[in-house]
Amino acid sequence: MVRELKITPIKNGTVIDHIGNGLALEVLRIIGIKELDKDSTVSIALHVRSGKIGWKDMVKVENMELSPRKVNAIALLAPTATISIIRDYRVQEKRSVDLPERIFGIVKCPNPSCISNQSEPVESQFHVLRRGPVVLSCAYCERQVDEFLKHLA
């Protein structure tokens, strides 16, 4: 007997689907779960079968729509993710994440001597050198980054 667990629908909010297996909690950290209204429902599905990517995670957050910066951060971590905007229990918009050519303020440069890590009022900035797997280059010191989790701002 196969049992199914259903996740409660949300009236308004965002569904982030097709997240790589094991990355849902990092996605929650990116979207800032502490900023949510205490009455908002948050659903997390970990290690779910997917015909598209094998195994996936999913995050459903009520009463939140993501800023472009947060979508870009998710694209770094989960390039196969899709984002659905829900309004009045219906999908109003669904799109795949798309990594831009330049990333601003999302990743901290690992070079402690980089100007973006000094007391100067500059925001971190990276060029996307490669998309699969993602490799970035700091616009200021040219340090390359391919490990993002420990460098997310």
N, C-alpha and C. Protein backbone atom coordinates (compact mmCIF):
# COMPACT_ATOMS: atom_id res chain seq x y z
N MET A 1 0.83 -1.18 0.00
CA MET A 1 0.00 0.00 0.00
C MET A 1 0.88 1.25 0.00
N VAL A 2 0.65 2.15 -0.95
CA VAL A 2 1.38 3.40 -1.04
C VAL A 2 0.57 4.49 -0.37
N ARG A 3 1.22 5.20 0.54
CA ARG A 3 0.54 6.31 1.21
C ARG A 3 1.05 7.61 0.63
N GLU A 4 0.16 8.55 0.45
CA GLU A 4 0.54 9.87 -0.03
C GLU A 4 0.28 10.88 1.05
N LEU A 5 1.21 11.81 1.19
CA LEU A 5 1.05 12.90 2.11
C LEU A 5 0.81 14.14 1.27
N LYS A 6 -0.30 14.79 1.51
CA LYS A 6 -0.62 15.98 0.72
C LYS A 6 -0.24 17.23 1.50
N ILE A 7 0.25 18.21 0.78
CA ILE A 7 0.60 19.49 1.37
C ILE A 7 -0.56 20.44 1.18
N THR A 8 -0.94 21.12 2.23
CA THR A 8 -2.07 22.03 2.21
C THR A 8 -1.87 23.15 1.19
N PRO A 9 -2.90 23.46 0.39
CA PRO A 9 -2.79 24.58 -0.56
C PRO A 9 -2.66 25.90 0.19
N ILE A 10 -2.04 26.88 -0.45
CA ILE A 10 -1.94 28.21 0.13
C ILE A 10 -2.77 29.18 -0.70
N LYS A 11 -3.33 30.18 -0.04
CA LYS A 11 -4.16 31.16 -0.75
C LYS A 11 -3.28 32.09 -1.58
N ASN A 12 -2.25 32.63 -0.96
CA ASN A 12 -1.33 33.56 -1.64
C ASN A 12 0.09 33.23 -1.20
N GLY A 13 1.02 33.29 -2.13
CA GLY A 13 2.41 33.04 -1.76
C GLY A 13 3.23 32.52 -2.91
N THR A 14 4.26 31.75 -2.57
CA THR A 14 5.23 31.29 -3.55
C THR A 14 5.53 29.81 -3.34
N VAL A 15 5.62 29.07 -4.45
CA VAL A 15 6.06 27.68 -4.41
C VAL A 15 7.36 27.60 -5.20
N ILE A 16 8.39 27.07 -4.55
CA ILE A 16 9.68 26.86 -5.21
C ILE A 16 9.83 25.36 -5.36
N ASP A 17 9.79 24.89 -6.59
CA ASP A 17 9.78 23.46 -6.88
C ASP A 17 11.04 23.09 -7.66
N HIS A 18 11.30 21.81 -7.77
CA HIS A 18 12.44 21.27 -8.51
C HIS A 18 13.77 21.79 -7.97
N ILE A 19 13.82 21.95 -6.64
CA ILE A 19 15.06 22.29 -5.95
C ILE A 19 15.89 21.01 -5.89
N GLY A 20 17.18 21.12 -6.10
CA GLY A 20 18.03 19.94 -6.00
C GLY A 20 17.88 19.26 -4.65
N ASN A 21 17.99 17.95 -4.66
CA ASN A 21 17.81 17.14 -3.45
C ASN A 21 18.72 17.61 -2.32
N GLY A 22 18.13 17.89 -1.16
CA GLY A 22 18.89 18.29 0.02
C GLY A 22 19.14 19.78 0.16
N LEU A 23 18.59 20.60 -0.72
CA LEU A 23 18.88 22.04 -0.68
C LEU A 23 17.73 22.91 -0.17
N ALA A 24 16.61 22.31 0.21
CA ALA A 24 15.44 23.10 0.63
C ALA A 24 15.73 23.98 1.83
N LEU A 25 16.49 23.48 2.79
CA LEU A 25 16.77 24.29 3.98
C LEU A 25 17.66 25.49 3.64
N GLU A 26 18.56 25.33 2.68
CA GLU A 26 19.37 26.47 2.23
C GLU A 26 18.48 27.49 1.51
N VAL A 27 17.52 27.01 0.74
CA VAL A 27 16.58 27.92 0.07
C VAL A 27 15.78 28.69 1.12
N LEU A 28 15.36 28.04 2.18
CA LEU A 28 14.66 28.74 3.26
C LEU A 28 15.53 29.82 3.88
N ARG A 29 16.80 29.54 4.03
CA ARG A 29 17.73 30.54 4.58
C ARG A 29 17.83 31.74 3.63
N ILE A 30 17.88 31.47 2.34
CA ILE A 30 17.96 32.55 1.34
C ILE A 30 16.72 33.44 1.37
N ILE A 31 15.56 32.83 1.44
CA ILE A 31 14.34 33.65 1.36
C ILE A 31 14.03 34.37 2.66
N GLY A 32 14.74 34.04 3.73
CA GLY A 32 14.57 34.77 4.98
C GLY A 32 13.31 34.38 5.72
N ILE A 33 13.25 33.16 6.13
CA ILE A 33 12.07 32.63 6.79
C ILE A 33 11.71 33.41 8.06
N LYS A 34 12.68 34.07 8.68
CA LYS A 34 12.42 34.86 9.90
C LYS A 34 11.57 36.09 9.60
N GLU A 35 11.54 36.51 8.34
CA GLU A 35 10.78 37.71 7.96
C GLU A 35 9.29 37.45 7.79
N LEU A 36 8.88 36.19 7.86
CA LEU A 36 7.49 35.84 7.61
C LEU A 36 6.56 36.22 8.75
N ASP A 37 5.32 36.45 8.38
CA ASP A 37 4.25 36.63 9.35
C ASP A 37 4.11 35.32 10.13
N LYS A 38 3.94 35.40 11.44
CA LYS A 38 3.89 34.18 12.26
C LYS A 38 2.71 33.27 11.91
N ASP A 39 1.69 33.79 11.22
CA ASP A 39 0.54 32.98 10.83
C ASP A 39 0.68 32.37 9.44
N SER A 40 1.79 32.61 8.77
CA SER A 40 2.00 32.08 7.42
C SER A 40 2.40 30.62 7.47
N THR A 41 1.81 29.83 6.58
CA THR A 41 2.15 28.42 6.47
C THR A 41 3.41 28.26 5.63
N VAL A 42 4.32 27.41 6.10
CA VAL A 42 5.52 27.05 5.35
C VAL A 42 5.54 25.53 5.26
N SER A 43 5.62 25.02 4.03
CA SER A 43 5.68 23.57 3.82
C SER A 43 6.99 23.24 3.12
N ILE A 44 7.63 22.18 3.58
CA ILE A 44 8.89 21.74 3.00
C ILE A 44 8.75 20.27 2.67
N ALA A 45 9.09 19.91 1.44
CA ALA A 45 9.11 18.51 1.04
C ALA A 45 10.55 18.18 0.68
N LEU A 46 11.10 17.16 1.34
CA LEU A 46 12.49 16.76 1.10
C LEU A 46 12.52 15.38 0.46
N HIS A 47 13.43 15.20 -0.46
CA HIS A 47 13.67 13.91 -1.10
C HIS A 47 12.39 13.31 -1.69
N VAL A 48 11.83 14.05 -2.64
CA VAL A 48 10.59 13.65 -3.32
C VAL A 48 10.95 13.20 -4.73
N ARG A 49 10.33 12.12 -5.21
CA ARG A 49 10.59 11.65 -6.59
C ARG A 49 10.18 12.72 -7.60
N SER A 50 11.02 12.87 -8.63
CA SER A 50 10.74 13.82 -9.70
C SER A 50 11.13 13.18 -11.03
N GLY A 51 10.21 13.21 -11.99
CA GLY A 51 10.53 12.71 -13.33
C GLY A 51 11.53 13.60 -14.03
N LYS A 52 11.59 14.86 -13.64
CA LYS A 52 12.46 15.84 -14.29
C LYS A 52 13.91 15.76 -13.82
N ILE A 53 14.12 15.64 -12.49
CA ILE A 53 15.49 15.67 -11.98
C ILE A 53 15.84 14.49 -11.06
N GLY A 54 15.03 13.46 -11.03
CA GLY A 54 15.30 12.30 -10.18
C GLY A 54 14.71 12.47 -8.79
N TRP A 55 15.41 13.17 -7.93
CA TRP A 55 14.93 13.49 -6.59
C TRP A 55 14.98 14.99 -6.42
N LYS A 56 14.04 15.53 -5.70
CA LYS A 56 13.96 16.98 -5.55
C LYS A 56 13.46 17.34 -4.16
N ASP A 57 13.57 18.62 -3.86
CA ASP A 57 12.96 19.23 -2.68
C ASP A 57 11.97 20.28 -3.17
N MET A 58 11.09 20.69 -2.30
CA MET A 58 10.11 21.73 -2.64
C MET A 58 9.84 22.58 -1.39
N VAL A 59 9.63 23.87 -1.60
CA VAL A 59 9.30 24.79 -0.51
C VAL A 59 8.07 25.59 -0.92
N LYS A 60 7.11 25.66 -0.02
CA LYS A 60 5.89 26.42 -0.27
C LYS A 60 5.75 27.42 0.88
N VAL A 61 5.67 28.72 0.55
CA VAL A 61 5.63 29.76 1.58
C VAL A 61 4.42 30.66 1.35
N GLU A 62 3.58 30.76 2.36
CA GLU A 62 2.39 31.59 2.27
C GLU A 62 2.74 33.05 2.53
N ASN A 63 2.05 33.95 1.84
CA ASN A 63 2.16 35.40 2.05
C ASN A 63 3.56 35.96 1.78
N MET A 64 4.26 35.40 0.80
CA MET A 64 5.57 35.92 0.43
C MET A 64 5.78 35.79 -1.07
N GLU A 65 6.24 36.89 -1.68
CA GLU A 65 6.71 36.84 -3.06
C GLU A 65 8.18 37.24 -3.03
N LEU A 66 8.98 36.60 -3.82
CA LEU A 66 10.43 36.77 -3.76
C LEU A 66 10.92 37.97 -4.56
N SER A 67 11.91 38.65 -4.02
CA SER A 67 12.56 39.75 -4.74
C SER A 67 13.45 39.15 -5.82
N PRO A 68 13.77 39.93 -6.85
CA PRO A 68 14.69 39.43 -7.89
C PRO A 68 16.03 38.97 -7.31
N ARG A 69 16.52 39.63 -6.29
CA ARG A 69 17.80 39.24 -5.67
C ARG A 69 17.70 37.85 -5.06
N LYS A 70 16.60 37.55 -4.39
CA LYS A 70 16.43 36.23 -3.80
C LYS A 70 16.26 35.16 -4.88
N VAL A 71 15.58 35.50 -5.96
CA VAL A 71 15.44 34.55 -7.07
C VAL A 71 16.82 34.25 -7.67
N ASN A 72 17.67 35.26 -7.80
CA ASN A 72 19.03 35.05 -8.33
C ASN A 72 19.85 34.16 -7.40
N ALA A 73 19.69 34.34 -6.09
CA ALA A 73 20.41 33.50 -5.13
C ALA A 73 19.94 32.05 -5.24
N ILE A 74 18.65 31.85 -5.42
CA ILE A 74 18.12 30.50 -5.61
C ILE A 74 18.66 29.89 -6.90
N ALA A 75 18.77 30.70 -7.95
CA ALA A 75 19.31 30.21 -9.23
C ALA A 75 20.75 29.73 -9.09
N LEU A 76 21.53 30.37 -8.23
CA LEU A 76 22.90 29.92 -7.99
C LEU A 76 22.92 28.53 -7.36
N LEU A 77 22.05 28.34 -6.40
CA LEU A 77 22.01 27.12 -5.62
C LEU A 77 21.24 26.00 -6.31
N ALA A 78 20.15 26.37 -6.97
CA ALA A 78 19.24 25.38 -7.56
C ALA A 78 18.84 25.80 -8.97
N PRO A 79 19.72 25.61 -9.94
CA PRO A 79 19.46 26.08 -11.30
C PRO A 79 18.29 25.39 -12.00
N THR A 80 17.80 24.27 -11.45
CA THR A 80 16.64 23.58 -12.04
C THR A 80 15.31 24.02 -11.41
N ALA A 81 15.37 24.93 -10.45
CA ALA A 81 14.16 25.33 -9.71
C ALA A 81 13.16 26.07 -10.59
N THR A 82 11.90 25.90 -10.22
CA THR A 82 10.82 26.70 -10.81
C THR A 82 10.14 27.45 -9.68
N ILE A 83 9.62 28.63 -10.01
CA ILE A 83 8.94 29.45 -9.02
C ILE A 83 7.54 29.74 -9.51
N SER A 84 6.56 29.42 -8.67
CA SER A 84 5.16 29.69 -8.99
C SER A 84 4.62 30.71 -8.00
N ILE A 85 3.98 31.73 -8.53
CA ILE A 85 3.31 32.73 -7.70
C ILE A 85 1.85 32.32 -7.59
N ILE A 86 1.37 32.20 -6.36
CA ILE A 86 0.00 31.76 -6.09
C ILE A 86 -0.81 32.96 -5.60
N ARG A 87 -1.96 33.17 -6.22
CA ARG A 87 -2.89 34.20 -5.76
C ARG A 87 -4.30 33.61 -5.79
N ASP A 88 -4.99 33.73 -4.67
CA ASP A 88 -6.34 33.20 -4.53
C ASP A 88 -6.39 31.71 -4.92
N TYR A 89 -5.43 30.94 -4.39
CA TYR A 89 -5.30 29.50 -4.57
C TYR A 89 -4.98 29.05 -6.00
N ARG A 90 -4.66 29.97 -6.90
CA ARG A 90 -4.36 29.61 -8.28
C ARG A 90 -2.95 30.07 -8.67
N VAL A 91 -2.34 29.31 -9.55
CA VAL A 91 -1.02 29.69 -10.07
C VAL A 91 -1.22 30.84 -11.05
N GLN A 92 -0.69 31.99 -10.70
CA GLN A 92 -0.80 33.17 -11.57
C GLN A 92 0.39 33.29 -12.51
N GLU A 93 1.53 32.76 -12.06
CA GLU A 93 2.74 32.86 -12.87
C GLU A 93 3.65 31.70 -12.48
N LYS A 94 4.25 31.06 -13.47
CA LYS A 94 5.22 29.99 -13.20
C LYS A 94 6.39 30.19 -14.15
N ARG A 95 7.60 30.17 -13.57
CA ARG A 95 8.78 30.36 -14.40
C ARG A 95 9.98 29.62 -13.83
N SER A 96 10.90 29.30 -14.68
CA SER A 96 12.15 28.71 -14.24
C SER A 96 13.08 29.82 -13.79
N VAL A 97 13.96 29.51 -12.85
CA VAL A 97 14.94 30.51 -12.45
C VAL A 97 15.94 30.67 -13.59
N ASP A 98 16.52 31.84 -13.69
CA ASP A 98 17.49 32.12 -14.74
C ASP A 98 18.63 32.92 -14.13
N LEU A 99 19.81 32.37 -14.19
CA LEU A 99 20.98 33.03 -13.63
C LEU A 99 21.42 34.17 -14.54
N PRO A 100 21.48 35.41 -14.01
CA PRO A 100 21.91 36.54 -14.85
C PRO A 100 23.42 36.50 -15.10
N GLU A 101 23.90 37.36 -15.96
CA GLU A 101 25.33 37.43 -16.28
C GLU A 101 26.15 37.98 -15.12
N ARG A 102 25.53 38.84 -14.29
CA ARG A 102 26.21 39.45 -13.14
C ARG A 102 25.36 39.25 -11.90
N ILE A 103 26.03 39.00 -10.78
CA ILE A 103 25.38 38.77 -9.49
C ILE A 103 25.81 39.88 -8.54
N PHE A 104 24.85 40.56 -7.93
CA PHE A 104 25.15 41.67 -7.02
C PHE A 104 24.68 41.35 -5.60
N GLY A 105 25.59 41.46 -4.62
CA GLY A 105 25.23 41.41 -3.22
C GLY A 105 24.75 40.09 -2.68
N ILE A 106 24.88 39.01 -3.41
CA ILE A 106 24.36 37.72 -2.97
C ILE A 106 25.47 36.84 -2.41
N VAL A 107 26.63 36.89 -3.04
CA VAL A 107 27.77 36.07 -2.64
C VAL A 107 28.85 37.00 -2.10
N LYS A 108 29.44 36.58 -1.00
CA LYS A 108 30.55 37.34 -0.41
C LYS A 108 31.85 36.81 -0.98
N CYS A 109 32.74 37.69 -1.39
CA CYS A 109 34.02 37.26 -1.95
C CYS A 109 34.83 36.53 -0.88
N PRO A 110 35.40 35.36 -1.23
CA PRO A 110 36.20 34.61 -0.25
C PRO A 110 37.58 35.22 0.01
N ASN A 111 37.97 36.22 -0.78
CA ASN A 111 39.26 36.87 -0.61
C ASN A 111 39.15 37.94 0.49
N PRO A 112 39.76 37.74 1.65
CA PRO A 112 39.63 38.72 2.72
C PRO A 112 40.22 40.09 2.36
N SER A 113 41.12 40.14 1.39
CA SER A 113 41.73 41.41 0.98
C SER A 113 40.92 42.15 -0.09
N CYS A 114 39.88 41.52 -0.60
CA CYS A 114 39.05 42.16 -1.64
C CYS A 114 38.42 43.43 -1.10
N ILE A 115 38.31 44.44 -1.94
CA ILE A 115 37.72 45.72 -1.52
C ILE A 115 36.28 45.56 -1.04
N SER A 116 35.59 44.54 -1.55
CA SER A 116 34.20 44.32 -1.12
C SER A 116 34.11 43.81 0.32
N ASN A 117 35.25 43.39 0.89
CA ASN A 117 35.28 42.92 2.28
C ASN A 117 35.92 43.94 3.22
N GLN A 118 36.25 45.10 2.70
CA GLN A 118 36.85 46.15 3.52
C GLN A 118 35.74 47.10 3.99
N SER A 119 36.12 48.18 4.58
CA SER A 119 35.11 49.13 5.08
C SER A 119 34.60 50.08 4.00
N GLU A 120 34.99 49.83 2.76
CA GLU A 120 34.52 50.65 1.65
C GLU A 120 33.04 50.37 1.38
N PRO A 121 32.30 51.38 0.96
CA PRO A 121 30.86 51.17 0.69
C PRO A 121 30.61 50.58 -0.70
N VAL A 122 31.13 49.36 -0.95
CA VAL A 122 30.90 48.70 -2.23
C VAL A 122 30.19 47.37 -1.99
N GLU A 123 29.29 47.06 -2.90
CA GLU A 123 28.54 45.82 -2.84
C GLU A 123 29.30 44.75 -3.62
N SER A 124 29.27 43.52 -3.13
CA SER A 124 29.93 42.45 -3.88
C SER A 124 29.31 42.32 -5.26
N GLN A 125 30.15 41.93 -6.21
CA GLN A 125 29.70 41.84 -7.60
C GLN A 125 30.50 40.72 -8.28
N PHE A 126 29.79 39.81 -8.94
CA PHE A 126 30.44 38.69 -9.59
C PHE A 126 29.95 38.54 -11.02
N HIS A 127 30.87 38.11 -11.90
CA HIS A 127 30.54 37.74 -13.27
C HIS A 127 30.31 36.23 -13.29
N VAL A 128 29.33 35.79 -14.05
CA VAL A 128 29.11 34.35 -14.20
C VAL A 128 30.03 33.87 -15.31
N LEU A 129 31.02 33.06 -14.95
CA LEU A 129 31.97 32.52 -15.93
C LEU A 129 31.42 31.28 -16.60
N ARG A 130 30.76 30.43 -15.80
CA ARG A 130 30.21 29.18 -16.31
C ARG A 130 28.90 28.90 -15.59
N ARG A 131 27.94 28.32 -16.30
CA ARG A 131 26.62 28.04 -15.74
C ARG A 131 26.43 26.61 -15.27
N GLY A 132 27.19 25.67 -15.75
CA GLY A 132 26.95 24.29 -15.34
C GLY A 132 28.22 23.49 -15.26
N PRO A 133 28.76 23.25 -14.09
CA PRO A 133 28.40 23.85 -12.81
C PRO A 133 28.80 25.32 -12.76
N VAL A 134 28.11 26.07 -11.93
CA VAL A 134 28.29 27.52 -11.87
C VAL A 134 29.66 27.87 -11.29
N VAL A 135 30.34 28.79 -11.98
CA VAL A 135 31.59 29.36 -11.51
C VAL A 135 31.47 30.86 -11.67
N LEU A 136 31.79 31.59 -10.59
CA LEU A 136 31.73 33.05 -10.60
C LEU A 136 33.13 33.63 -10.46
N SER A 137 33.28 34.88 -10.90
CA SER A 137 34.53 35.60 -10.73
C SER A 137 34.22 36.97 -10.13
N CYS A 138 34.92 37.31 -9.05
CA CYS A 138 34.71 38.60 -8.40
C CYS A 138 35.07 39.73 -9.37
N ALA A 139 34.22 40.72 -9.48
CA ALA A 139 34.45 41.85 -10.38
C ALA A 139 35.60 42.73 -9.90
N TYR A 140 35.94 42.65 -8.61
CA TYR A 140 36.99 43.51 -8.06
C TYR A 140 38.36 42.84 -8.02
N CYS A 141 38.44 41.62 -7.51
CA CYS A 141 39.74 40.97 -7.35
C CYS A 141 39.93 39.75 -8.25
N GLU A 142 38.89 39.38 -8.99
CA GLU A 142 38.90 38.28 -9.95
C GLU A 142 39.02 36.89 -9.30
N ARG A 143 38.82 36.79 -7.98
CA ARG A 143 38.83 35.48 -7.31
C ARG A 143 37.65 34.67 -7.82
N GLN A 144 37.88 33.42 -8.16
CA GLN A 144 36.81 32.56 -8.65
C GLN A 144 36.15 31.82 -7.49
N VAL A 145 34.85 31.63 -7.62
CA VAL A 145 34.05 30.95 -6.59
C VAL A 145 33.19 29.90 -7.27
N ASP A 146 33.28 28.66 -6.76
CA ASP A 146 32.40 27.61 -7.26
C ASP A 146 31.69 26.89 -6.11
N GLU A 147 31.96 27.33 -4.90
CA GLU A 147 31.33 26.79 -3.69
C GLU A 147 30.55 27.93 -3.05
N PHE A 148 29.21 27.90 -3.16
CA PHE A 148 28.43 29.07 -2.78
C PHE A 148 27.85 29.04 -1.37
N LEU A 149 27.55 27.89 -0.85
CA LEU A 149 26.84 27.80 0.43
C LEU A 149 27.52 28.59 1.53
N LYS A 150 28.84 28.44 1.66
CA LYS A 150 29.53 29.12 2.74
C LYS A 150 29.82 30.58 2.44
N HIS A 151 29.51 31.04 1.21
CA HIS A 151 29.79 32.43 0.84
C HIS A 151 28.52 33.26 0.56
N LEU A 152 27.36 32.68 0.82
CA LEU A 152 26.14 33.47 0.61
C LEU A 152 26.08 34.60 1.62
N ALA A 153 25.78 35.79 1.12
CA ALA A 153 25.77 36.97 2.00
C ALA A 153 24.54 37.00 2.87
